[in-house]
PDB file of N, CA and C in Angstrom:
ATOM      1  N   MET A   1     -75.461-145.704-181.583  1.00  0.00           N
ATOM      2  CA  MET A   1     -75.883-144.340-180.582  1.00  0.00           C
ATOM      3  C   MET A   1     -77.188-143.826-180.947  1.00  0.00           C
ATOM      4  N   ASN A   2     -78.096-143.466-180.137  1.00  0.00           N
ATOM      5  CA  ASN A   2     -79.395-142.951-180.889  1.00  0.00           C
ATOM      6  C   ASN A   2     -79.411-141.582-179.894  1.00  0.00           C
ATOM      7  N   ILE A   3     -79.380-140.511-180.710  1.00  0.00           N
ATOM      8  CA  ILE A   3     -79.595-139.225-180.478  1.00  0.00           C
ATOM      9  C   ILE A   3     -80.769-138.637-180.799  1.00  0.00           C
ATOM     10  N   LYS A   4     -81.418-137.817-179.506  1.00  0.00           N
ATOM     11  CA  LYS A   4     -82.510-137.207-179.960  1.00  0.00           C
ATOM     12  C   LYS A   4     -82.460-136.109-179.807  1.00  0.00           C
ATOM     13  N   ILE A   5     -83.138-134.825-180.902  1.00  0.00           N
ATOM     14  CA  ILE A   5     -83.180-133.450-180.408  1.00  0.00           C
ATOM     15  C   ILE A   5     -84.462-132.975-180.048  1.00  0.00           C
ATOM     16  N   LEU A   6     -85.004-132.730-178.696  1.00  0.00           N
ATOM     17  CA  LEU A   6     -86.264-132.744-178.572  1.00  0.00           C
ATOM     18  C   LEU A   6     -86.464-130.867-178.580  1.00  0.00           C
ATOM     19  N   GLY A   7     -87.706-130.608-179.470  1.00  0.00           N
ATOM     20  CA  GLY A   7     -88.152-129.454-179.359  1.00  0.00           C
ATOM     21  C   GLY A   7     -89.408-129.173-180.429  1.00  0.00           C
ATOM     22  N   THR A   8     -89.772-128.191-180.528  1.00  0.00           N
ATOM     23  CA  THR A   8     -91.120-127.746-181.118  1.00  0.00           C
ATOM     24  C   THR A   8     -90.616-127.211-182.758  1.00  0.00           C
ATOM     25  N   GLY A   9     -89.365-127.117-183.277  1.00  0.00           N
ATOM     26  CA  GLY A   9     -89.174-126.531-184.542  1.00  0.00           C
ATOM     27  C   GLY A   9     -88.525-124.893-184.548  1.00  0.00           C
ATOM     28  N   CYS A  10     -88.256-124.397-182.924  1.00  0.00           N
ATOM     29  CA  CYS A  10     -87.819-123.187-183.039  1.00  0.00           C
ATOM     30  C   CYS A  10     -86.364-123.116-183.445  1.00  0.00           C
ATOM     31  N   ALA A  11     -85.675-121.733-183.392  1.00  0.00           N
ATOM     32  CA  ALA A  11     -84.795-121.514-184.333  1.00  0.00           C
ATOM     33  C   ALA A  11     -83.452-122.390-182.910  1.00  0.00           C
ATOM     34  N   LYS A  12     -83.965-122.336-181.781  1.00  0.00           N
ATOM     35  CA  LYS A  12     -83.353-122.811-181.383  1.00  0.00           C
ATOM     36  C   LYS A  12     -82.820-124.460-181.402  1.00  0.00           C
ATOM     37  N   CYS A  13     -83.674-125.334-181.425  1.00  0.00           N
ATOM     38  CA  CYS A  13     -83.693-126.289-181.832  1.00  0.00           C
ATOM     39  C   CYS A  13     -83.099-126.654-183.168  1.00  0.00           C
ATOM     40  N   HIS A  14     -83.425-125.935-184.233  1.00  0.00           N
ATOM     41  CA  HIS A  14     -82.566-126.468-185.450  1.00  0.00           C
ATOM     42  C   HIS A  14     -80.853-126.031-185.179  1.00  0.00           C
ATOM     43  N   SER A  15     -81.237-125.198-184.227  1.00  0.00           N
ATOM     44  CA  SER A  15     -79.491-124.787-184.487  1.00  0.00           C
ATOM     45  C   SER A  15     -79.080-126.178-183.769  1.00  0.00           C
ATOM     46  N   LEU A  16     -79.196-126.636-182.385  1.00  0.00           N
ATOM     47  CA  LEU A  16     -79.022-127.852-181.487  1.00  0.00           C
ATOM     48  C   LEU A  16     -79.103-129.104-182.720  1.00  0.00           C
ATOM     49  N   GLU A  17     -80.051-129.114-183.310  1.00  0.00           N
ATOM     50  CA  GLU A  17     -79.703-130.056-184.507  1.00  0.00           C
ATOM     51  C   GLU A  17     -78.436-130.170-185.296  1.00  0.00           C
ATOM     52  N   LYS A  18     -78.817-128.829-186.113  1.00  0.00           N
ATOM     53  CA  LYS A  18     -77.578-129.013-186.807  1.00  0.00           C
ATOM     54  C   LYS A  18     -76.036-128.797-186.073  1.00  0.00           C
ATOM     55  N   THR A  19     -75.913-128.462-185.153  1.00  0.00           N
ATOM     56  CA  THR A  19     -74.816-128.852-184.290  1.00  0.00           C
ATOM     57  C   THR A  19     -74.155-130.359-184.374  1.00  0.00           C
ATOM     58  N   VAL A  20     -75.178-130.997-183.645  1.00  0.00           N
ATOM     59  CA  VAL A  20     -75.185-132.126-183.235  1.00  0.00           C
ATOM     60  C   VAL A  20     -75.079-133.161-184.931  1.00  0.00           C
ATOM     61  N   LYS A  21     -75.622-133.031-185.594  1.00  0.00           N
ATOM     62  CA  LYS A  21     -75.303-133.568-187.031  1.00  0.00           C
ATOM     63  C   LYS A  21     -74.053-133.041-187.265  1.00  0.00           C
ATOM     64  N   GLU A  22     -73.011-132.032-187.214  1.00  0.00           N
ATOM     65  CA  GLU A  22     -72.226-131.844-187.540  1.00  0.00           C
ATOM     66  C   GLU A  22     -71.068-132.658-186.968  1.00  0.00           C
ATOM     67  N   VAL A  23     -71.107-132.411-185.541  1.00  0.00           N
ATOM     68  CA  VAL A  23     -70.136-132.933-184.315  1.00  0.00           C
ATOM     69  C   VAL A  23     -70.514-134.594-184.980  1.00  0.00           C
ATOM     70  N   VAL A  24     -71.542-135.213-184.829  1.00  0.00           N
ATOM     71  CA  VAL A  24     -71.252-136.773-185.549  1.00  0.00           C
ATOM     72  C   VAL A  24     -70.759-136.717-186.995  1.00  0.00           C
ATOM     73  N   SER A  25     -70.625-136.079-187.698  1.00  0.00           N
ATOM     74  CA  SER A  25     -69.947-136.489-188.849  1.00  0.00           C
ATOM     75  C   SER A  25     -68.764-136.014-188.666  1.00  0.00           C
ATOM     76  N   ASN A  26     -68.373-135.294-187.952  1.00  0.00           N
ATOM     77  CA  ASN A  26     -66.933-134.644-187.972  1.00  0.00           C
ATOM     78  C   ASN A  26     -66.145-135.918-187.312  1.00  0.00           C
ATOM     79  N   LEU A  27     -66.562-136.649-186.006  1.00  0.00           N
ATOM     80  CA  LEU A  27     -65.840-137.541-185.106  1.00  0.00           C
ATOM     81  C   LEU A  27     -66.471-138.957-185.666  1.00  0.00           C
ATOM     82  N   LYS A  28     -67.393-138.928-186.967  1.00  0.00           N
ATOM     83  CA  LYS A  28     -67.554-140.085-187.288  1.00  0.00           C
ATOM     84  C   LYS A  28     -68.230-141.207-186.672  1.00  0.00           C
ATOM     85  N   LEU A  29     -69.290-140.897-185.672  1.00  0.00           N
ATOM     86  CA  LEU A  29     -69.596-141.437-184.744  1.00  0.00           C
ATOM     87  C   LEU A  29     -71.059-142.473-185.732  1.00  0.00           C
ATOM     88  N   ASP A  30     -71.081-143.563-185.476  1.00  0.00           N
ATOM     89  CA  ASP A  30     -72.047-144.326-185.905  1.00  0.00           C
ATOM     90  C   ASP A  30     -73.429-143.880-184.682  1.00  0.00           C
ATOM     91  N   ALA A  31     -74.275-142.999-185.023  1.00  0.00           N
ATOM     92  CA  ALA A  31     -75.175-142.239-185.022  1.00  0.00           C
ATOM     93  C   ALA A  31     -76.403-142.227-185.584  1.00  0.00           C
ATOM     94  N   GLN A  32     -77.317-142.642-184.754  1.00  0.00           N
ATOM     95  CA  GLN A  32     -78.621-141.962-185.485  1.00  0.00           C
ATOM     96  C   GLN A  32     -79.222-140.804-185.150  1.00  0.00           C
ATOM     97  N   VAL A  33     -79.520-139.509-185.541  1.00  0.00           N
ATOM     98  CA  VAL A  33     -80.207-138.351-185.159  1.00  0.00           C
ATOM     99  C   VAL A  33     -81.147-138.216-185.399  1.00  0.00           C
ATOM    100  N   GLU A  34     -82.147-137.941-184.743  1.00  0.00           N
ATOM    101  CA  GLU A  34     -83.633-137.864-184.802  1.00  0.00           C
ATOM    102  C   GLU A  34     -84.319-136.455-183.967  1.00  0.00           C
ATOM    103  N   ALA A  35     -85.066-136.097-184.978  1.00  0.00           N
ATOM    104  CA  ALA A  35     -85.599-134.746-184.030  1.00  0.00           C
ATOM    105  C   ALA A  35     -87.364-134.916-183.843  1.00  0.00           C
ATOM    106  N   VAL A  36     -87.479-134.782-182.284  1.00  0.00           N
ATOM    107  CA  VAL A  36     -88.825-135.387-181.734  1.00  0.00           C
ATOM    108  C   VAL A  36     -89.418-133.752-181.517  1.00  0.00           C
ATOM    109  N   ASN A  37     -90.716-133.714-182.346  1.00  0.00           N
ATOM    110  CA  ASN A  37     -91.382-132.750-182.420  1.00  0.00           C
ATOM    111  C   ASN A  37     -92.229-132.903-181.908  1.00  0.00           C
ATOM    112  N   ASP A  38     -93.244-133.907-181.414  1.00  0.00           N
ATOM    113  CA  ASP A  38     -94.035-134.089-180.877  1.00  0.00           C
ATOM    114  C   ASP A  38     -94.245-133.848-179.548  1.00  0.00           C
ATOM    115  N   MET A  39     -95.225-132.658-179.000  1.00  0.00           N
ATOM    116  CA  MET A  39     -95.169-132.335-178.040  1.00  0.00           C
ATOM    117  C   MET A  39     -95.938-133.423-176.657  1.00  0.00           C
ATOM    118  N   LYS A  40     -96.547-134.800-176.980  1.00  0.00           N
ATOM    119  CA  LYS A  40     -96.802-135.564-175.974  1.00  0.00           C
ATOM    120  C   LYS A  40     -95.188-136.267-175.999  1.00  0.00           C
ATOM    121  N   GLU A  41     -94.917-136.540-176.939  1.00  0.00           N
ATOM    122  CA  GLU A  41     -93.623-137.390-177.055  1.00  0.00           C
ATOM    123  C   GLU A  41     -92.117-136.418-176.327  1.00  0.00           C
ATOM    124  N   ILE A  42     -92.297-135.449-176.363  1.00  0.00           N
ATOM    125  CA  ILE A  42     -91.387-134.360-175.490  1.00  0.00           C
ATOM    126  C   ILE A  42     -91.393-134.727-174.393  1.00  0.00           C
ATOM    127  N   LEU A  43     -93.198-134.674-173.958  1.00  0.00           N
ATOM    128  CA  LEU A  43     -93.176-134.694-171.973  1.00  0.00           C
ATOM    129  C   LEU A  43     -92.985-136.055-171.644  1.00  0.00           C
ATOM    130  N   THR A  44     -92.688-136.661-172.317  1.00  0.00           N
ATOM    131  CA  THR A  44     -91.928-138.187-171.808  1.00  0.00           C
ATOM    132  C   THR A  44     -91.150-137.916-170.773  1.00  0.00           C
ATOM    133  N   TYR A  45     -90.059-136.890-171.474  1.00  0.00           N
ATOM    134  CA  TYR A  45     -88.757-137.086-171.099  1.00  0.00           C
ATOM    135  C   TYR A  45     -88.035-136.141-170.121  1.00  0.00           C
ATOM    136  N   ASN A  46     -89.465-135.656-168.965  1.00  0.00           N
ATOM    137  CA  ASN A  46     -89.523-134.754-168.514  1.00  0.00           C
ATOM    138  C   ASN A  46     -88.795-133.387-168.366  1.00  0.00           C
ATOM    139  N   ILE A  47     -88.308-133.008-169.435  1.00  0.00           N
ATOM    140  CA  ILE A  47     -87.717-131.490-169.528  1.00  0.00           C
ATOM    141  C   ILE A  47     -88.927-130.390-169.481  1.00  0.00           C
ATOM    142  N   LEU A  48     -88.380-129.091-168.730  1.00  0.00           N
ATOM    143  CA  LEU A  48     -89.195-128.067-168.648  1.00  0.00           C
ATOM    144  C   LEU A  48     -88.954-127.223-169.839  1.00  0.00           C
ATOM    145  N   THR A  49     -87.782-127.064-170.745  1.00  0.00           N
ATOM    146  CA  THR A  49     -87.349-126.113-171.250  1.00  0.00           C
ATOM    147  C   THR A  49     -86.877-126.569-172.888  1.00  0.00           C
ATOM    148  N   THR A  50     -87.609-126.473-173.921  1.00  0.00           N
ATOM    149  CA  THR A  50     -86.574-127.071-175.086  1.00  0.00           C
ATOM    150  C   THR A  50     -85.412-126.088-175.366  1.00  0.00           C
ATOM    151  N   PRO A  51     -84.571-126.426-176.072  1.00  0.00           N
ATOM    152  CA  PRO A  51     -84.185-127.762-176.786  1.00  0.00           C
ATOM    153  C   PRO A  51     -83.936-128.843-175.662  1.00  0.00           C
ATOM    154  N   GLY A  52     -84.040-129.865-175.990  1.00  0.00           N
ATOM    155  CA  GLY A  52     -83.536-130.750-175.107  1.00  0.00           C
ATOM    156  C   GLY A  52     -82.870-131.888-176.149  1.00  0.00           C
ATOM    157  N   LEU A  53     -81.711-132.914-175.380  1.00  0.00           N
ATOM    158  CA  LEU A  53     -80.633-133.384-176.160  1.00  0.00           C
ATOM    159  C   LEU A  53     -80.565-134.922-175.497  1.00  0.00           C
ATOM    160  N   VAL A  54     -81.152-135.738-176.012  1.00  0.00           N
ATOM    161  CA  VAL A  54     -81.348-137.159-175.570  1.00  0.00           C
ATOM    162  C   VAL A  54     -80.147-138.606-176.323  1.00  0.00           C
ATOM    163  N   ILE A  55     -79.451-139.078-175.363  1.00  0.00           N
ATOM    164  CA  ILE A  55     -78.729-139.874-175.969  1.00  0.00           C
ATOM    165  C   ILE A  55     -78.917-141.346-175.254  1.00  0.00           C
ATOM    166  N   ASN A  56     -79.445-142.062-176.138  1.00  0.00           N
ATOM    167  CA  ASN A  56     -79.900-143.368-175.812  1.00  0.00           C
ATOM    168  C   ASN A  56     -81.030-143.065-174.525  1.00  0.00           C
ATOM    169  N   GLU A  57     -81.782-142.892-174.808  1.00  0.00           N
ATOM    170  CA  GLU A  57     -83.158-142.585-174.101  1.00  0.00           C
ATOM    171  C   GLU A  57     -82.501-141.884-172.610  1.00  0.00           C
ATOM    172  N   LYS A  58     -81.582-141.246-172.346  1.00  0.00           N
ATOM    173  CA  LYS A  58     -81.117-140.323-171.377  1.00  0.00           C
ATOM    174  C   LYS A  58     -81.260-138.966-171.636  1.00  0.00           C
ATOM    175  N   VAL A  59     -81.534-138.333-170.887  1.00  0.00           N
ATOM    176  CA  VAL A  59     -81.294-136.783-171.094  1.00  0.00           C
ATOM    177  C   VAL A  59     -80.434-136.090-170.729  1.00  0.00           C
ATOM    178  N   VAL A  60     -79.736-135.384-171.497  1.00  0.00           N
ATOM    179  CA  VAL A  60     -78.053-134.931-171.299  1.00  0.00           C
ATOM    180  C   VAL A  60     -78.167-133.427-170.975  1.00  0.00           C
ATOM    181  N   LEU A  61     -79.618-133.180-171.754  1.00  0.00           N
ATOM    182  CA  LEU A  61     -79.230-131.758-171.686  1.00  0.00           C
ATOM    183  C   LEU A  61     -80.455-130.709-171.901  1.00  0.00           C
ATOM    184  N   SER A  62     -80.965-129.364-171.569  1.00  0.00           N
ATOM    185  CA  SER A  62     -81.836-129.263-171.284  1.00  0.00           C
ATOM    186  C   SER A  62     -82.148-128.067-171.156  1.00  0.00           C
ATOM    187  N   GLY A  63     -82.896-126.947-172.070  1.00  0.00           N
ATOM    188  CA  GLY A  63     -83.179-125.650-172.006  1.00  0.00           C
ATOM    189  C   GLY A  63     -82.162-124.417-172.578  1.00  0.00           C
ATOM    190  N   HIS A  64     -80.836-125.033-172.898  1.00  0.00           N
ATOM    191  CA  HIS A  64     -79.925-123.748-173.751  1.00  0.00           C
ATOM    192  C   HIS A  64     -79.494-124.920-175.120  1.00  0.00           C
ATOM    193  N   VAL A  65     -78.763-123.751-175.982  1.00  0.00           N
ATOM    194  CA  VAL A  65     -77.658-124.288-176.795  1.00  0.00           C
ATOM    195  C   VAL A  65     -76.686-124.416-176.767  1.00  0.00           C
ATOM    196  N   PRO A  66     -75.592-125.568-176.687  1.00  0.00           N
ATOM    197  CA  PRO A  66     -74.436-125.819-176.276  1.00  0.00           C
ATOM    198  C   PRO A  66     -73.660-125.139-177.578  1.00  0.00           C
ATOM    199  N   ASN A  67     -72.241-124.537-176.858  1.00  0.00           N
ATOM    200  CA  ASN A  67     -71.595-125.230-178.182  1.00  0.00           C
ATOM    201  C   ASN A  67     -70.618-125.959-179.095  1.00  0.00           C
ATOM    202  N   LYS A  68     -70.549-125.871-180.212  1.00  0.00           N
ATOM    203  CA  LYS A  68     -69.487-127.229-180.580  1.00  0.00           C
ATOM    204  C   LYS A  68     -68.724-127.819-179.930  1.00  0.00           C
ATOM    205  N   ARG A  69     -68.094-127.304-179.449  1.00  0.00           N
ATOM    206  CA  ARG A  69     -66.977-128.092-177.951  1.00  0.00           C
ATOM    207  C   ARG A  69     -67.803-128.614-177.055  1.00  0.00           C
ATOM    208  N   GLU A  70     -68.990-128.415-176.323  1.00  0.00           N
ATOM    209  CA  GLU A  70     -69.333-128.636-175.463  1.00  0.00           C
ATOM    210  C   GLU A  70     -70.867-129.980-176.352  1.00  0.00           C
ATOM    211  N   VAL A  71     -70.931-129.734-177.233  1.00  0.00           N
ATOM    212  CA  VAL A  71     -71.661-130.999-177.914  1.00  0.00           C
ATOM    213  C   VAL A  71     -70.311-132.198-177.689  1.00  0.00           C
ATOM    214  N   GLU A  72     -69.749-131.723-178.502  1.00  0.00           N
ATOM    215  CA  GLU A  72     -68.504-132.989-178.656  1.00  0.00           C
ATOM    216  C   GLU A  72     -67.936-133.545-177.234  1.00  0.00           C
ATOM    217  N   ARG A  73     -68.074-132.796-176.519  1.00  0.00           N
ATOM    218  CA  ARG A  73     -67.670-133.210-175.459  1.00  0.00           C
ATOM    219  C   ARG A  73     -68.435-134.182-174.577  1.00  0.00           C
ATOM    220  N   ILE A  74     -69.890-133.979-175.031  1.00  0.00           N
ATOM    221  CA  ILE A  74     -71.059-134.746-174.394  1.00  0.00           C
ATOM    222  C   ILE A  74     -71.390-136.022-175.126  1.00  0.00           C
ATOM    223  N   LEU A  75     -70.952-135.934-176.638  1.00  0.00           N
ATOM    224  CA  LEU A  75     -71.121-136.871-177.696  1.00  0.00           C
ATOM    225  C   LEU A  75     -69.896-138.134-177.019  1.00  0.00           C
ATOM    226  N   MET A  76     -68.809-137.517-177.082  1.00  0.00           N
ATOM    227  CA  MET A  76     -67.447-138.129-176.643  1.00  0.00           C
ATOM    228  C   MET A  76     -67.732-139.239-175.065  1.00  0.00           C
ATOM    229  N   ASN A  77     -68.512-138.486-174.616  1.00  0.00           N
ATOM    230  CA  ASN A  77     -68.668-139.198-173.202  1.00  0.00           C
ATOM    231  C   ASN A  77     -69.594-140.458-173.200  1.00  0.00           C
ATOM    232  N   ALA A  78     -70.658-139.735-174.075  1.00  0.00           N
ATOM    233  CA  ALA A  78     -71.432-141.179-174.151  1.00  0.00           C
ATOM    234  C   ALA A  78     -71.235-142.055-174.829  1.00  0.00           C
ATOM    235  N   GLN A  79     -70.096-141.489-175.882  1.00  0.00           N
ATOM    236  CA  GLN A  79     -69.700-143.037-176.933  1.00  0.00           C
ATOM    237  C   GLN A  79     -68.576-144.091-175.963  1.00  0.00           C
ATOM    238  N   SER A  80     -67.543-142.972-174.989  1.00  0.00           N
ATOM    239  CA  SER A  80     -67.034-143.808-174.030  1.00  0.00           C
ATOM    240  C   SER A  80     -67.714-144.641-173.706  1.00  0.00           C
ATOM    241  N   SER A  81     -69.017-144.046-172.484  1.00  0.00           N
ATOM    242  CA  SER A  81     -69.581-145.132-171.867  1.00  0.00           C
ATOM    243  C   SER A  81     -70.302-146.426-172.326  1.00  0.00           C
ATOM    244  N   GLU A  82     -70.621-146.015-173.916  1.00  0.00           N
ATOM    245  CA  GLU A  82     -71.186-147.214-174.593  1.00  0.00           C
ATOM    246  C   GLU A  82     -69.920-148.733-174.879  1.00  0.00           C
ATOM    247  N   ASP A  83     -68.726-147.706-175.065  1.00  0.00           N
ATOM    248  CA  ASP A  83     -67.839-148.598-175.146  1.00  0.00           C
ATOM    249  C   ASP A  83     -67.451-149.622-174.220  1.00  0.00           C
ATOM    250  N   LYS A  84     -67.572-149.281-172.726  1.00  0.00           N
ATOM    251  CA  LYS A  84     -67.813-149.878-171.456  1.00  0.00           C
ATOM    252  C   LYS A  84     -68.574-151.065-171.445  1.00  0.00           C
ATOM    253  N   CYS A  85     -69.502-150.845-171.889  1.00  0.00           N
ATOM    254  CA  CYS A  85     -70.399-151.955-172.064  1.00  0.00           C
ATOM    255  C   CYS A  85     -70.581-153.078-172.739  1.00  0.00           C
TER     256      CYS A  85
END
């Protein structure tokens, strides 16, 4: 699973990145987490507000920092979608 955190380096972006990394570790997911700070690259995902969360090149969240439970749900749904392919 390829996970990208889209953001300019603000506190919310760092918070989302930290939460995602914790959940990936806790769930023992095979995932690469990458922070994307380049505004030109962020704009290619057509999000209006950061932070953004992209899983396997699909935007799944933007504009707010989800709690840990929401991140777990998002990642587990993405994992089960990968398993079906």
